[in-house]
Amino acid sequence: MAGYYEPDCGTAYYRSNDPVKNLRIKVTLKRVSAASFNDDKAQASSAGGSNENDVELKTLLPKGKRNKSTDYQECIVNWQEKVFCQREVEMYSNEENCQTVLARKYHQDVTTKAAKRKGKNMIFTYVDHDSFSHQKEGDQMMTDYEDKASPLAVNMANVRCRRMGGRQLREREQGSIPKSLIVEENPSDDFKQRSRLEPPPVQVMYIMADLSPPDRPPEEIDEYVLCSIKVDANGVLCVRPDFLTDGKPYTIETLKTREGFDYTIENMSQEMNRQEQDKELKMYREMYSRHNDFVQSCVGYEFQLPPPDTLKYVVFGEIVSAQDFEKDNLYVQAFIDLPKDWYCDHGQQMSWVTQTCATKAFNRVETANFSYPFHFELTYKKGLTPSNAEYSFPLFPRLMLEVSAVDSWMRHFNEGYSYIQLPDKPGIHTETANCWRPVGNSIIDNLRRFFIGGTPEIEDPTYPGVPSTFDGSYLSKFGFKTQSSGNVTIRLNVLMQSRSFMENKANKRSLGSLLDTLGISAMQQNITSVLEAFKRARMKMMNAREAATQELLREAKPLEKGELLADIPD
């Protein structure tokens, strides 16, 4: 095949809102000389040399006895239209081979169409409910038929879910959980095929070619895939290879006889005229407009604004992982410590406990991956203080953390405490909390921890940060014995919403602190200040210029005839 042009055999994807039953494909198959595949071999054969080409050319029928139907065939196939090959006709003609409902239907189709058949069908099809469509589709490749399918391709072909309906569809829509055991410790091959993968429903169709030689009965190995067509539930049409547009045919070569064939694939579906396209486009626009109005009515035309002088603080967080702790089977307890002037809705969850997770070595560090999500909404509101009538810097809440472990004897161990100061700026933040745990004053405490799981614990859960009972200027924890343990990774997505902070009457110092608190950069603040100063200077200059002009006009004498008006200075 060296030096021979090969068109692109890649997969093409199309999207259409029209019914797929209107799809029609024209396939043309033509037998070509083996010499046309390799110019070097053709020249060697014409020179009279003995080589393998002599054997290949002998497989072709003599020119006088060659049947035209075996050299060229053209067929127009509709979507999911079953066209039988010679092997299927011989198999389904025998009623003893028809034991299933589908086989009996094919037997009836073959027997009724047998009288109308003339010659051999080189082009035939496999539809969605044929066994080839869901068992053997990965065994044959489009480019090289000698390659074997990889185990992944075979498993994906067997696992693929063709249709979805009945009880399975109702359970998915209702969100119910089946009563059978979901977790299977030792899954069988049949269980893997039924349970491991469920993509959207897809229908397939294969256009095949029967390239068996006329001198022997047709076999399954002589069947080759010309085109595969797949349609999923979203209306995406997958065609491999693509429809031909440049007139260059695809080529295929048989394995045994080394005969060559050219074939073309064309889309023969009836195209819509301009009037029908405009009508359909108008209908879709009306449908999308009604759907948009419906969604808008459900959402509302305005966002829900917080009350004046109020900051709404929304956090979507995730406890990602815990690393480098002493024990296995870790779990994390977390809660929000609210400072003064912070509030939350009644009934909102403000504390969480993760699942128990076993550790696994990752980059030589024992890591427990939780991926535990949490969410909360807070409100901050504080008025002016009587002393200085300025906004004080708000103290943001803290996320308090406690890491524990449990063993096979159900003994619980305290592995560490820590906290994370919630960010004072909106955006995505990834924080790492370094943990510590209290230790006793004697070796007895360590023995108790090792044998019965007794671990020193703190009474006040807010003690890792600033205790809630503390009221003073200096906080000293001198003499409290601790030991470093591991660390916890937290990911936070922070959203802030306020409508009246910028409208309050405050001086530059308090306004700057408030802007920095709410995530406004200093550069934007400086640009705003410069623009305001420029506007004030410009207005002052225009007022002074207008006053000077009016004063000169009042002092000027009336002009006599022929006199010129003196220039008025700016």
Protein backbone atom coordinates (compact mmCIF):
# COMPACT_ATOMS: atom_id res chain seq x y z
CA MET A 1 0.00 0.00 0.00
CA ALA A 2 3.07 2.23 -0.18
CA GLY A 3 2.49 5.39 -2.16
CA TYR A 4 -1.26 4.85 -2.34
CA TYR A 5 -3.58 7.61 -1.21
CA GLU A 6 -5.74 6.74 1.78
CA PRO A 7 -8.57 9.07 2.82
CA ASP A 8 -9.15 9.87 6.45
CA CYS A 9 -10.93 6.96 8.20
CA GLY A 10 -11.56 8.88 11.40
CA THR A 11 -14.85 9.27 13.21
CA ALA A 12 -17.20 12.15 12.41
CA TYR A 13 -19.86 13.48 14.78
CA TYR A 14 -23.11 15.18 13.80
CA ARG A 15 -25.97 16.60 15.84
CA SER A 16 -29.52 16.72 14.56
CA ASN A 17 -32.91 17.33 16.10
CA ASP A 18 -34.67 15.47 13.28
CA PRO A 19 -35.81 11.84 13.71
CA VAL A 20 -33.00 9.41 12.98
CA LYS A 21 -35.40 7.13 11.10
CA ASN A 22 -35.13 9.52 8.12
CA LEU A 23 -31.42 8.73 7.72
CA ARG A 24 -30.55 7.09 4.39
CA ILE A 25 -27.04 6.05 3.36
CA LYS A 26 -25.79 5.06 -0.07
CA VAL A 27 -22.92 2.55 -0.21
CA THR A 28 -21.05 1.66 -3.40
CA LEU A 29 -18.66 -1.31 -3.45
CA LYS A 30 -16.38 -2.04 -6.41
CA ARG A 31 -13.80 -4.76 -6.97
CA VAL A 32 -10.49 -3.41 -8.29
CA SER A 33 -7.40 -5.12 -9.64
CA ALA A 34 -4.76 -6.15 -7.13
CA ALA A 35 -2.16 -4.34 -9.25
CA SER A 36 -3.79 -1.00 -8.52
CA PHE A 37 -2.85 -1.32 -4.85
CA ASN A 38 0.88 -1.49 -5.42
CA ASP A 39 2.54 -0.07 -8.52
CA ASP A 40 5.84 -1.85 -7.79
CA LYS A 41 4.16 -5.26 -7.63
CA ALA A 42 2.26 -4.56 -10.83
CA GLN A 43 5.45 -3.73 -12.71
CA ALA A 44 7.14 -6.91 -11.46
CA SER A 45 4.17 -9.01 -12.55
CA SER A 46 4.11 -7.55 -16.05
CA ALA A 47 7.85 -8.24 -16.45
CA GLY A 48 7.22 -11.99 -16.12
CA GLY A 49 9.02 -12.48 -12.82
CA SER A 50 7.75 -15.18 -10.49
CA ASN A 51 6.63 -13.71 -7.19
CA GLU A 52 3.65 -13.73 -4.86
CA ASN A 53 1.60 -11.52 -7.18
CA ASP A 54 1.06 -14.43 -9.54
CA VAL A 55 -0.73 -16.32 -6.76
CA GLU A 56 -2.85 -13.31 -5.84
CA LEU A 57 -3.98 -12.66 -9.41
CA LYS A 58 -5.00 -16.29 -9.90
CA THR A 59 -7.69 -15.89 -7.26
CA LEU A 60 -9.61 -13.56 -9.58
CA LEU A 61 -12.08 -15.05 -11.99
CA PRO A 62 -11.25 -15.06 -15.70
CA LYS A 63 -12.47 -12.02 -17.51
CA GLY A 64 -15.01 -13.92 -19.60
CA LYS A 65 -16.52 -15.76 -16.59
CA ARG A 66 -16.54 -12.86 -14.16
CA ASN A 67 -19.97 -11.99 -12.73
CA LYS A 68 -20.84 -8.32 -12.84
CA SER A 69 -22.75 -8.52 -9.53
CA THR A 70 -19.58 -9.66 -7.74
CA ASP A 71 -17.53 -6.77 -9.15
CA TYR A 72 -19.80 -3.82 -8.47
CA GLN A 73 -22.78 -3.29 -6.18
CA GLU A 74 -24.69 -0.25 -5.03
CA CYS A 75 -27.15 -0.16 -2.17
CA ILE A 76 -29.20 2.50 -0.34
CA VAL A 77 -29.78 1.56 3.30
CA ASN A 78 -32.25 3.13 5.72
CA TRP A 79 -31.66 3.43 9.44
CA GLN A 80 -31.99 0.03 11.17
CA GLU A 81 -32.86 -1.68 7.90
CA LYS A 82 -31.87 -5.34 7.92
CA VAL A 83 -30.16 -6.60 4.73
CA PHE A 84 -29.15 -10.28 4.80
CA CYS A 85 -25.91 -11.70 3.48
CA GLN A 86 -25.56 -15.10 1.80
CA ARG A 87 -24.41 -16.78 5.02
CA GLU A 88 -27.43 -15.47 6.96
CA VAL A 89 -29.79 -16.52 4.18
CA GLU A 90 -28.48 -20.07 4.29
CA MET A 91 -28.56 -20.19 8.08
CA TYR A 92 -32.02 -18.70 8.60
CA SER A 93 -33.54 -20.68 5.74
CA ASN A 94 -33.18 -23.78 7.88
CA GLU A 95 -35.94 -23.66 10.48
CA GLU A 96 -33.96 -25.85 12.87
CA ASN A 97 -31.46 -23.00 13.38
CA CYS A 98 -34.21 -20.57 14.41
CA GLN A 99 -34.85 -21.05 18.12
CA THR A 100 -35.22 -17.46 19.35
CA VAL A 101 -37.92 -14.93 18.53
CA LEU A 102 -35.50 -12.83 16.50
CA ALA A 103 -34.27 -15.87 14.56
CA ARG A 104 -37.86 -16.90 13.74
CA LYS A 105 -38.58 -13.39 12.49
CA TYR A 106 -35.49 -13.52 10.29
CA HIS A 107 -36.60 -16.94 9.03
CA GLN A 108 -39.91 -15.46 7.94
CA ASP A 109 -38.19 -12.50 6.25
CA VAL A 110 -35.73 -14.73 4.41
CA THR A 111 -38.35 -17.16 3.15
CA THR A 112 -40.66 -14.41 1.89
CA LYS A 113 -37.85 -12.55 0.12
CA ALA A 114 -36.10 -15.63 -1.25
CA ALA A 115 -38.18 -15.63 -4.43
CA LYS A 116 -37.26 -12.02 -5.13
CA ARG A 117 -33.52 -12.50 -4.53
CA LYS A 118 -31.27 -12.51 -7.52
CA GLY A 119 -27.56 -12.95 -7.11
CA LYS A 120 -25.45 -12.38 -4.02
CA ASN A 121 -25.63 -9.48 -1.62
CA MET A 122 -22.13 -8.17 -1.16
CA ILE A 123 -23.47 -5.33 1.00
CA PHE A 124 -25.51 -6.25 4.08
CA THR A 125 -26.20 -4.79 7.53
CA TYR A 126 -26.14 -5.64 11.21
CA VAL A 127 -28.77 -3.73 13.19
CA ASP A 128 -28.93 -2.88 16.88
CA HIS A 129 -30.48 -6.14 18.14
CA ASP A 130 -28.05 -8.41 16.26
CA SER A 131 -25.42 -10.20 18.31
CA PHE A 132 -22.59 -8.57 16.34
CA SER A 133 -23.67 -5.10 17.50
CA HIS A 134 -23.00 -5.74 21.18
CA GLN A 135 -20.59 -8.69 21.26
CA LYS A 136 -18.21 -8.60 18.31
CA GLU A 137 -18.00 -4.94 17.40
CA GLY A 138 -14.59 -4.53 19.07
CA ASP A 139 -13.07 -7.55 17.35
CA GLN A 140 -12.69 -5.90 13.94
CA MET A 141 -10.83 -2.70 13.29
CA MET A 142 -11.31 -0.32 10.39
CA THR A 143 -7.66 0.10 9.43
CA ASP A 144 -5.98 -3.26 10.11
CA TYR A 145 -8.04 -6.42 10.40
CA GLU A 146 -5.06 -8.45 11.60
CA ASP A 147 -4.86 -6.48 14.86
CA LYS A 148 -6.48 -7.98 17.93
CA ALA A 149 -8.75 -5.97 20.17
CA SER A 150 -7.22 -4.96 23.48
CA PRO A 151 -8.79 -6.26 26.72
CA LEU A 152 -10.07 -2.74 27.45
CA ALA A 153 -11.85 -2.56 24.07
CA VAL A 154 -13.41 -6.00 24.58
CA ASN A 155 -14.62 -5.15 28.08
CA MET A 156 -16.01 -1.80 27.00
CA ALA A 157 -17.90 -3.46 24.15
CA ASN A 158 -19.40 -6.04 26.48
CA VAL A 159 -20.28 -3.65 29.29
CA ARG A 160 -21.97 -1.04 27.11
CA CYS A 161 -25.64 -0.61 28.01
CA ARG A 162 -27.79 -0.58 24.88
CA ARG A 163 -31.13 0.43 26.30
CA MET A 164 -32.43 1.58 29.61
CA GLY A 165 -36.03 1.21 30.66
CA GLY A 166 -38.52 -0.51 32.91
CA ARG A 167 -37.67 -0.87 36.60
CA GLN A 168 -34.14 0.50 36.20
CA LEU A 169 -35.37 3.73 34.62
CA ARG A 170 -38.10 4.22 37.25
CA GLU A 171 -35.62 3.72 40.09
CA ARG A 172 -33.27 6.29 38.58
CA GLU A 173 -36.04 8.87 38.12
CA GLN A 174 -37.45 8.35 41.63
CA GLY A 175 -34.02 8.23 43.23
CA SER A 176 -34.79 4.98 45.07
CA ILE A 177 -32.11 2.54 46.14
CA PRO A 178 -32.58 -1.14 45.28
CA LYS A 179 -32.90 -3.54 48.20
CA SER A 180 -30.22 -5.84 46.86
CA LEU A 181 -26.65 -5.55 48.09
CA ILE A 182 -24.84 -2.84 46.12
CA VAL A 183 -21.30 -3.70 47.25
CA GLU A 184 -20.08 -7.04 45.89
CA GLU A 185 -16.89 -8.34 47.45
CA ASN A 186 -16.12 -10.91 44.72
CA PRO A 187 -17.87 -9.67 41.56
CA SER A 188 -18.32 -12.12 38.71
CA ASP A 189 -17.79 -11.29 35.05
CA ASP A 190 -21.53 -11.07 34.48
CA PHE A 191 -21.90 -8.69 37.43
CA LYS A 192 -19.16 -6.45 36.04
CA GLN A 193 -20.83 -6.27 32.64
CA ARG A 194 -24.20 -5.35 34.15
CA SER A 195 -23.15 -2.98 36.92
CA ARG A 196 -19.88 -1.21 36.23
CA LEU A 197 -20.82 1.13 33.37
CA GLU A 198 -24.11 2.69 32.29
CA PRO A 199 -23.67 5.34 29.59
CA PRO A 200 -26.66 6.94 27.87
CA PRO A 201 -28.75 4.63 25.67
CA VAL A 202 -27.22 4.19 22.24
CA GLN A 203 -28.35 2.50 19.05
CA VAL A 204 -25.86 1.10 16.57
CA MET A 205 -25.87 -0.10 13.00
CA TYR A 206 -23.11 -1.65 10.92
CA ILE A 207 -22.87 -1.69 7.13
CA MET A 208 -20.90 -4.79 6.21
CA ALA A 209 -19.37 -6.35 3.09
CA ASP A 210 -19.37 -10.05 2.22
CA LEU A 211 -16.09 -10.48 0.31
CA SER A 212 -16.05 -14.25 0.17
CA PRO A 213 -14.74 -15.72 -3.14
CA PRO A 214 -17.34 -17.30 -5.46
CA ASP A 215 -15.64 -20.71 -5.50
CA ARG A 216 -16.35 -21.56 -1.82
CA PRO A 217 -19.18 -21.09 0.71
CA PRO A 218 -19.24 -17.79 2.61
CA GLU A 219 -17.78 -17.72 6.10
CA GLU A 220 -17.94 -15.25 8.96
CA ILE A 221 -14.25 -14.40 8.54
CA ASP A 222 -15.02 -13.00 5.08
CA GLU A 223 -17.25 -10.25 6.53
CA TYR A 224 -15.72 -6.79 6.84
CA VAL A 225 -17.02 -3.58 8.39
CA LEU A 226 -17.53 -0.79 5.90
CA CYS A 227 -19.19 1.76 8.16
CA SER A 228 -20.39 1.93 11.77
CA ILE A 229 -23.17 4.33 12.80
CA LYS A 230 -24.13 5.12 16.39
CA VAL A 231 -26.82 7.44 17.77
CA ASP A 232 -27.11 8.29 21.46
CA ALA A 233 -30.02 9.68 23.45
CA ASN A 234 -28.80 13.26 22.99
CA GLY A 235 -29.16 13.12 19.20
CA VAL A 236 -25.43 12.86 18.45
CA LEU A 237 -24.72 10.82 15.32
CA CYS A 238 -21.33 9.07 15.20
CA VAL A 239 -20.18 7.86 11.74
CA ARG A 240 -16.94 5.93 11.17
CA PRO A 241 -15.60 6.53 8.57
CA ASP A 242 -17.12 9.86 7.57
CA PHE A 243 -19.28 10.48 4.51
CA LEU A 244 -17.18 11.11 1.41
CA THR A 245 -17.19 14.62 -0.01
CA ASP A 246 -14.04 14.79 -2.18
CA GLY A 247 -14.72 11.70 -4.30
CA LYS A 248 -11.70 9.71 -3.02
CA PRO A 249 -12.97 6.18 -2.20
CA TYR A 250 -12.08 4.13 0.83
CA THR A 251 -10.10 0.96 0.24
CA ILE A 252 -10.27 -2.47 1.80
CA GLU A 253 -8.23 -5.63 1.17
CA THR A 254 -9.19 -9.20 2.02
CA LEU A 255 -6.98 -11.30 4.26
CA LYS A 256 -6.96 -14.61 2.38
CA THR A 257 -7.21 -13.75 -1.31
CA ARG A 258 -5.59 -10.29 -1.05
CA GLU A 259 -8.24 -8.81 -3.33
CA GLY A 260 -8.81 -5.10 -3.30
CA PHE A 261 -12.09 -3.17 -3.13
CA ASP A 262 -13.04 0.48 -3.28
CA TYR A 263 -16.18 1.72 -1.56
CA THR A 264 -17.89 5.03 -0.99
CA ILE A 265 -20.34 6.19 1.69
CA GLU A 266 -22.76 9.03 0.90
CA ASN A 267 -25.56 10.68 2.83
CA MET A 268 -28.77 10.31 0.78
CA SER A 269 -31.17 11.74 3.34
CA GLN A 270 -33.67 14.18 1.93
CA GLU A 271 -32.68 17.73 2.72
CA MET A 272 -35.15 20.28 3.99
CA ASN A 273 -36.07 23.15 1.72
CA ARG A 274 -35.67 26.76 2.74
CA GLN A 275 -39.29 27.20 3.77
CA GLU A 276 -39.24 24.16 6.06
CA GLN A 277 -35.96 25.26 7.63
CA ASP A 278 -37.38 28.70 8.41
CA LYS A 279 -40.51 27.14 9.85
CA GLU A 280 -38.51 24.79 12.06
CA LEU A 281 -36.20 27.60 13.19
CA LYS A 282 -39.20 29.74 14.14
CA MET A 283 -40.72 26.86 16.09
CA TYR A 284 -37.46 26.27 18.00
CA ARG A 285 -37.16 29.96 18.82
CA GLU A 286 -40.68 30.02 20.22
CA MET A 287 -40.02 26.89 22.25
CA TYR A 288 -36.75 28.27 23.66
CA SER A 289 -38.43 31.60 24.43
CA ARG A 290 -41.21 29.88 26.36
CA HIS A 291 -38.71 27.76 28.23
CA ASN A 292 -36.65 30.84 29.06
CA ASP A 293 -39.75 32.62 30.38
CA PHE A 294 -40.62 29.59 32.49
CA VAL A 295 -37.12 29.40 33.99
CA GLN A 296 -37.09 33.15 34.57
CA SER A 297 -40.41 32.95 36.40
CA CYS A 298 -39.03 30.18 38.62
CA VAL A 299 -35.78 32.01 39.41
CA GLY A 300 -37.14 35.53 39.63
CA TYR A 301 -36.04 38.77 38.05
CA GLU A 302 -33.86 39.97 40.91
CA PHE A 303 -31.41 38.38 43.24
CA GLN A 304 -32.32 38.28 46.88
CA LEU A 305 -30.39 41.17 48.40
CA PRO A 306 -29.22 41.14 52.00
CA PRO A 307 -30.56 43.80 54.37
CA PRO A 308 -28.77 47.17 54.56
CA ASP A 309 -25.55 47.36 56.56
CA THR A 310 -25.22 43.56 56.35
CA LEU A 311 -22.59 41.27 54.89
CA LYS A 312 -23.70 37.85 53.67
CA TYR A 313 -20.93 35.27 53.88
CA VAL A 314 -21.42 31.98 51.98
CA VAL A 315 -18.91 29.11 52.04
CA PHE A 316 -18.90 25.88 50.03
CA GLY A 317 -16.10 23.85 51.57
CA GLU A 318 -14.52 20.42 51.39
CA ILE A 319 -12.43 18.50 53.90
CA VAL A 320 -9.99 17.10 51.38
CA SER A 321 -7.53 14.91 53.27
CA ALA A 322 -5.50 14.31 56.41
CA GLN A 323 -1.81 13.48 56.24
CA ASP A 324 0.99 12.12 58.42
CA PHE A 325 -0.97 11.03 61.49
CA GLU A 326 0.16 8.24 63.78
CA LYS A 327 -2.99 6.08 63.72
CA ASP A 328 -5.06 4.57 60.92
CA ASN A 329 -8.83 4.81 60.25
CA LEU A 330 -9.09 8.56 60.78
CA TYR A 331 -12.16 10.78 60.94
CA VAL A 332 -12.46 14.56 61.35
CA GLN A 333 -14.93 16.57 63.43
CA ALA A 334 -15.41 20.21 62.48
CA PHE A 335 -17.61 23.11 63.64
CA ILE A 336 -17.83 26.87 63.13
CA ASP A 337 -16.90 29.21 65.98
CA LEU A 338 -18.86 32.45 65.51
CA PRO A 339 -17.38 35.68 66.93
CA LYS A 340 -19.48 38.59 68.08
CA ASP A 341 -21.87 40.21 65.56
CA TRP A 342 -21.99 37.06 63.38
CA TYR A 343 -25.26 35.19 62.99
CA CYS A 344 -26.61 32.12 61.22
CA ASP A 345 -30.10 30.95 60.32
CA HIS A 346 -31.92 28.86 62.86
CA GLY A 347 -31.67 25.16 62.11
CA GLN A 348 -28.62 25.47 59.86
CA GLN A 349 -25.99 22.77 60.32
CA MET A 350 -22.80 24.24 61.73
CA SER A 351 -20.91 21.06 62.71
CA TRP A 352 -19.89 18.03 60.70
CA VAL A 353 -18.28 14.60 61.16
CA THR A 354 -16.60 12.86 58.24
CA GLN A 355 -16.63 9.17 57.46
CA THR A 356 -13.87 6.89 58.73
CA CYS A 357 -11.10 6.59 56.15
CA ALA A 358 -8.13 4.23 56.05
CA THR A 359 -4.77 5.76 55.23
CA LYS A 360 -2.73 4.96 52.15
CA ALA A 361 0.87 5.81 51.34
CA PHE A 362 1.11 8.63 48.80
CA ASN A 363 4.56 10.08 48.10
CA ARG A 364 5.79 8.28 51.23
CA VAL A 365 3.18 10.06 53.36
CA GLU A 366 0.24 8.25 54.95
CA THR A 367 -2.83 10.05 53.61
CA ALA A 368 -6.54 9.64 54.32
CA ASN A 369 -8.67 11.12 51.51
CA PHE A 370 -12.09 12.24 52.79
CA SER A 371 -13.47 14.60 50.11
CA TYR A 372 -16.21 15.51 52.57
CA PRO A 373 -18.31 18.53 51.44
CA PHE A 374 -19.99 21.07 53.72
CA HIS A 375 -21.85 24.33 53.28
CA PHE A 376 -22.98 27.19 55.50
CA GLU A 377 -24.23 30.78 55.26
CA LEU A 378 -23.45 33.50 57.80
CA THR A 379 -24.51 37.10 58.32
CA TYR A 380 -22.41 39.91 59.74
CA LYS A 381 -24.01 43.15 60.96
CA LYS A 382 -22.53 45.79 63.22
CA GLY A 383 -23.45 49.42 63.60
CA LEU A 384 -21.34 52.45 64.50
CA THR A 385 -19.58 52.47 67.85
CA PRO A 386 -20.45 55.43 70.09
CA SER A 387 -16.80 56.27 70.76
CA ASN A 388 -15.29 56.90 67.35
CA ALA A 389 -18.28 56.40 65.00
CA GLU A 390 -16.16 54.28 62.68
CA TYR A 391 -16.37 50.72 61.47
CA SER A 392 -14.06 48.37 63.32
CA PHE A 393 -12.28 45.55 61.53
CA PRO A 394 -14.58 42.48 61.65
CA LEU A 395 -13.18 39.29 63.11
CA PHE A 396 -14.05 36.45 60.76
CA PRO A 397 -15.24 33.07 62.07
CA ARG A 398 -12.98 30.08 62.61
CA LEU A 399 -13.36 26.49 61.48
CA MET A 400 -12.36 24.32 64.44
CA LEU A 401 -10.98 20.86 63.65
CA GLU A 402 -10.50 17.71 65.72
CA VAL A 403 -8.93 14.59 64.20
CA SER A 404 -9.62 11.20 65.80
CA ALA A 405 -8.95 7.56 65.04
CA VAL A 406 -10.68 4.26 65.83
CA ASP A 407 -9.18 0.77 65.84
CA SER A 408 -10.62 -2.73 65.48
CA TRP A 409 -11.47 -2.83 69.21
CA MET A 410 -13.56 0.33 68.79
CA ARG A 411 -11.09 2.33 70.88
CA HIS A 412 -11.03 6.02 69.97
CA PHE A 413 -7.82 8.01 69.95
CA ASN A 414 -7.45 11.76 69.80
CA GLU A 415 -4.94 12.56 67.05
CA GLY A 416 -4.90 16.33 67.00
CA TYR A 417 -6.59 19.73 67.24
CA SER A 418 -6.34 22.73 64.97
CA TYR A 419 -8.36 25.55 63.43
CA ILE A 420 -8.54 27.58 60.22
CA GLN A 421 -9.34 31.28 60.09
CA LEU A 422 -11.96 31.66 57.37
CA PRO A 423 -10.70 33.88 54.50
CA ASP A 424 -11.65 37.54 54.49
CA LYS A 425 -11.66 37.68 50.68
CA PRO A 426 -13.93 35.93 48.19
CA GLY A 427 -12.58 33.25 45.86
CA ILE A 428 -11.13 29.76 46.03
CA HIS A 429 -8.78 29.07 48.93
CA THR A 430 -6.86 25.93 49.89
CA GLU A 431 -5.78 25.92 53.53
CA THR A 432 -3.60 23.49 55.47
CA ALA A 433 -4.11 23.21 59.24
CA ASN A 434 -1.16 21.87 61.27
CA CYS A 435 -2.49 19.77 64.13
CA TRP A 436 -1.25 19.07 67.63
CA ARG A 437 -2.49 16.93 70.49
CA PRO A 438 -2.07 17.36 74.27
CA VAL A 439 0.24 15.00 76.15
CA GLY A 440 0.25 14.02 79.80
CA ASN A 441 2.79 14.85 82.45
CA SER A 442 3.90 11.25 83.04
CA ILE A 443 4.53 7.97 81.25
CA ILE A 444 1.26 6.62 82.65
CA ASP A 445 -0.68 8.78 80.21
CA ASN A 446 1.22 7.28 77.27
CA LEU A 447 0.62 3.74 78.58
CA ARG A 448 -3.07 4.45 79.00
CA ARG A 449 -3.23 5.75 75.41
CA PHE A 450 -1.47 2.64 74.09
CA PHE A 451 -3.49 0.00 75.96
CA ILE A 452 -6.99 1.36 76.59
CA GLY A 453 -7.15 4.33 74.24
CA GLY A 454 -7.39 6.98 76.91
CA THR A 455 -6.07 10.25 75.49
CA PRO A 456 -5.84 13.68 77.13
CA GLU A 457 -8.53 15.94 75.70
CA ILE A 458 -9.34 19.63 76.07
CA GLU A 459 -12.58 20.67 77.73
CA ASP A 460 -13.17 23.82 75.70
CA PRO A 461 -13.27 22.93 71.96
CA THR A 462 -12.37 26.54 71.08
CA TYR A 463 -9.10 26.36 73.05
CA PRO A 464 -6.95 25.64 69.91
CA GLY A 465 -7.70 29.22 68.85
CA VAL A 466 -8.83 32.01 71.15
CA PRO A 467 -11.10 30.49 73.81
CA SER A 468 -14.66 31.75 73.81
CA THR A 469 -14.42 32.50 77.54
CA PHE A 470 -11.31 34.67 77.18
CA ASP A 471 -11.80 38.38 77.88
CA GLY A 472 -8.53 40.23 78.09
CA SER A 473 -5.65 41.77 76.20
CA TYR A 474 -3.07 38.97 76.39
CA LEU A 475 -3.56 35.22 76.10
CA SER A 476 -0.85 32.94 77.51
CA LYS A 477 -0.76 29.15 77.07
CA PHE A 478 2.62 28.68 78.69
CA GLY A 479 3.02 25.30 80.41
CA PHE A 480 0.49 23.48 78.25
CA LYS A 481 2.30 20.42 76.87
CA THR A 482 1.52 19.42 73.29
CA GLN A 483 2.94 17.22 70.57
CA SER A 484 2.82 17.87 66.83
CA SER A 485 0.83 15.29 64.86
CA GLY A 486 -0.27 15.71 61.23
CA ASN A 487 -2.11 18.23 59.07
CA VAL A 488 -5.52 18.58 57.45
CA THR A 489 -6.17 20.09 54.00
CA ILE A 490 -9.34 22.15 53.52
CA ARG A 491 -10.64 23.69 50.28
CA LEU A 492 -12.99 26.70 50.58
CA ASN A 493 -15.08 28.52 47.99
CA VAL A 494 -16.05 31.87 49.53
CA LEU A 495 -18.78 34.24 48.35
CA MET A 496 -19.51 37.67 49.88
CA GLN A 497 -22.58 39.81 49.20
CA SER A 498 -23.35 43.31 50.51
CA ARG A 499 -25.17 46.34 49.11
CA SER A 500 -24.74 49.13 51.67
CA PHE A 501 -21.16 49.02 52.92
CA MET A 502 -19.96 51.28 50.11
CA GLU A 503 -22.78 53.76 50.68
CA ASN A 504 -22.04 54.45 54.35
CA LYS A 505 -20.58 57.79 55.39
CA ALA A 506 -17.11 56.99 56.64
CA ASN A 507 -13.74 58.65 56.51
CA LYS A 508 -10.90 57.50 54.27
CA ARG A 509 -9.23 55.39 56.93
CA SER A 510 -12.30 53.35 57.84
CA LEU A 511 -13.35 53.10 54.19
CA GLY A 512 -9.93 51.78 53.21
CA SER A 513 -10.03 49.13 55.94
CA LEU A 514 -13.52 48.14 54.89
CA LEU A 515 -12.50 47.92 51.22
CA ASP A 516 -9.56 45.68 52.07
CA THR A 517 -11.84 43.58 54.23
CA LEU A 518 -14.35 43.09 51.44
CA GLY A 519 -11.65 42.15 48.91
CA ILE A 520 -11.32 45.48 47.06
CA SER A 521 -7.74 46.10 46.02
CA ALA A 522 -5.82 49.23 46.97
CA MET A 523 -5.19 50.04 43.30
CA GLN A 524 -8.92 50.40 42.60
CA GLN A 525 -9.26 52.60 45.69
CA ASN A 526 -6.40 54.89 44.54
CA ILE A 527 -7.86 55.20 41.03
CA THR A 528 -11.25 56.16 42.47
CA SER A 529 -9.67 58.80 44.74
CA VAL A 530 -7.71 60.35 41.84
CA LEU A 531 -10.80 60.56 39.64
CA GLU A 532 -12.84 62.22 42.40
CA ALA A 533 -10.08 64.77 43.06
CA PHE A 534 -9.85 65.54 39.32
CA LYS A 535 -13.61 66.14 39.09
CA ARG A 536 -13.56 68.51 42.06
CA ALA A 537 -10.61 70.51 40.63
CA ARG A 538 -12.27 70.72 37.21
CA MET A 539 -15.55 72.02 38.67
CA LYS A 540 -13.67 74.59 40.78
CA MET A 541 -11.76 75.83 37.69
CA MET A 542 -14.93 76.14 35.62
CA ASN A 543 -16.70 78.12 38.37
CA ALA A 544 -13.75 80.52 38.74
CA ARG A 545 -13.55 81.05 34.97
CA GLU A 546 -17.28 81.79 34.71
CA ALA A 547 -17.10 84.30 37.61
CA ALA A 548 -14.15 86.14 36.01
CA THR A 549 -16.00 86.40 32.68
CA GLN A 550 -19.10 87.88 34.30
CA GLU A 551 -16.98 90.44 36.21
CA LEU A 552 -15.26 91.64 33.00
CA LEU A 553 -18.56 92.01 31.19
CA ARG A 554 -19.97 94.16 33.97
CA GLU A 555 -16.93 96.50 34.01
CA ALA A 556 -16.70 96.92 30.22
CA LYS A 557 -17.98 100.23 28.62
CA PRO A 558 -20.58 100.22 25.84
CA LEU A 559 -18.93 99.98 22.43
CA GLU A 560 -19.19 102.80 19.96
CA LYS A 561 -19.75 102.20 16.29
CA GLY A 562 -16.54 101.04 14.62
CA GLU A 563 -14.77 99.99 17.81
CA LEU A 564 -13.43 96.44 18.27
CA LEU A 565 -14.11 94.23 21.26
CA ALA A 566 -10.91 93.74 23.26
CA ASP A 567 -9.75 90.19 23.91
CA ILE A 568 -10.91 88.85 27.21
CA PRO A 569 -8.17 86.88 28.94
CA ASP A 570 -8.94 83.31 29.94
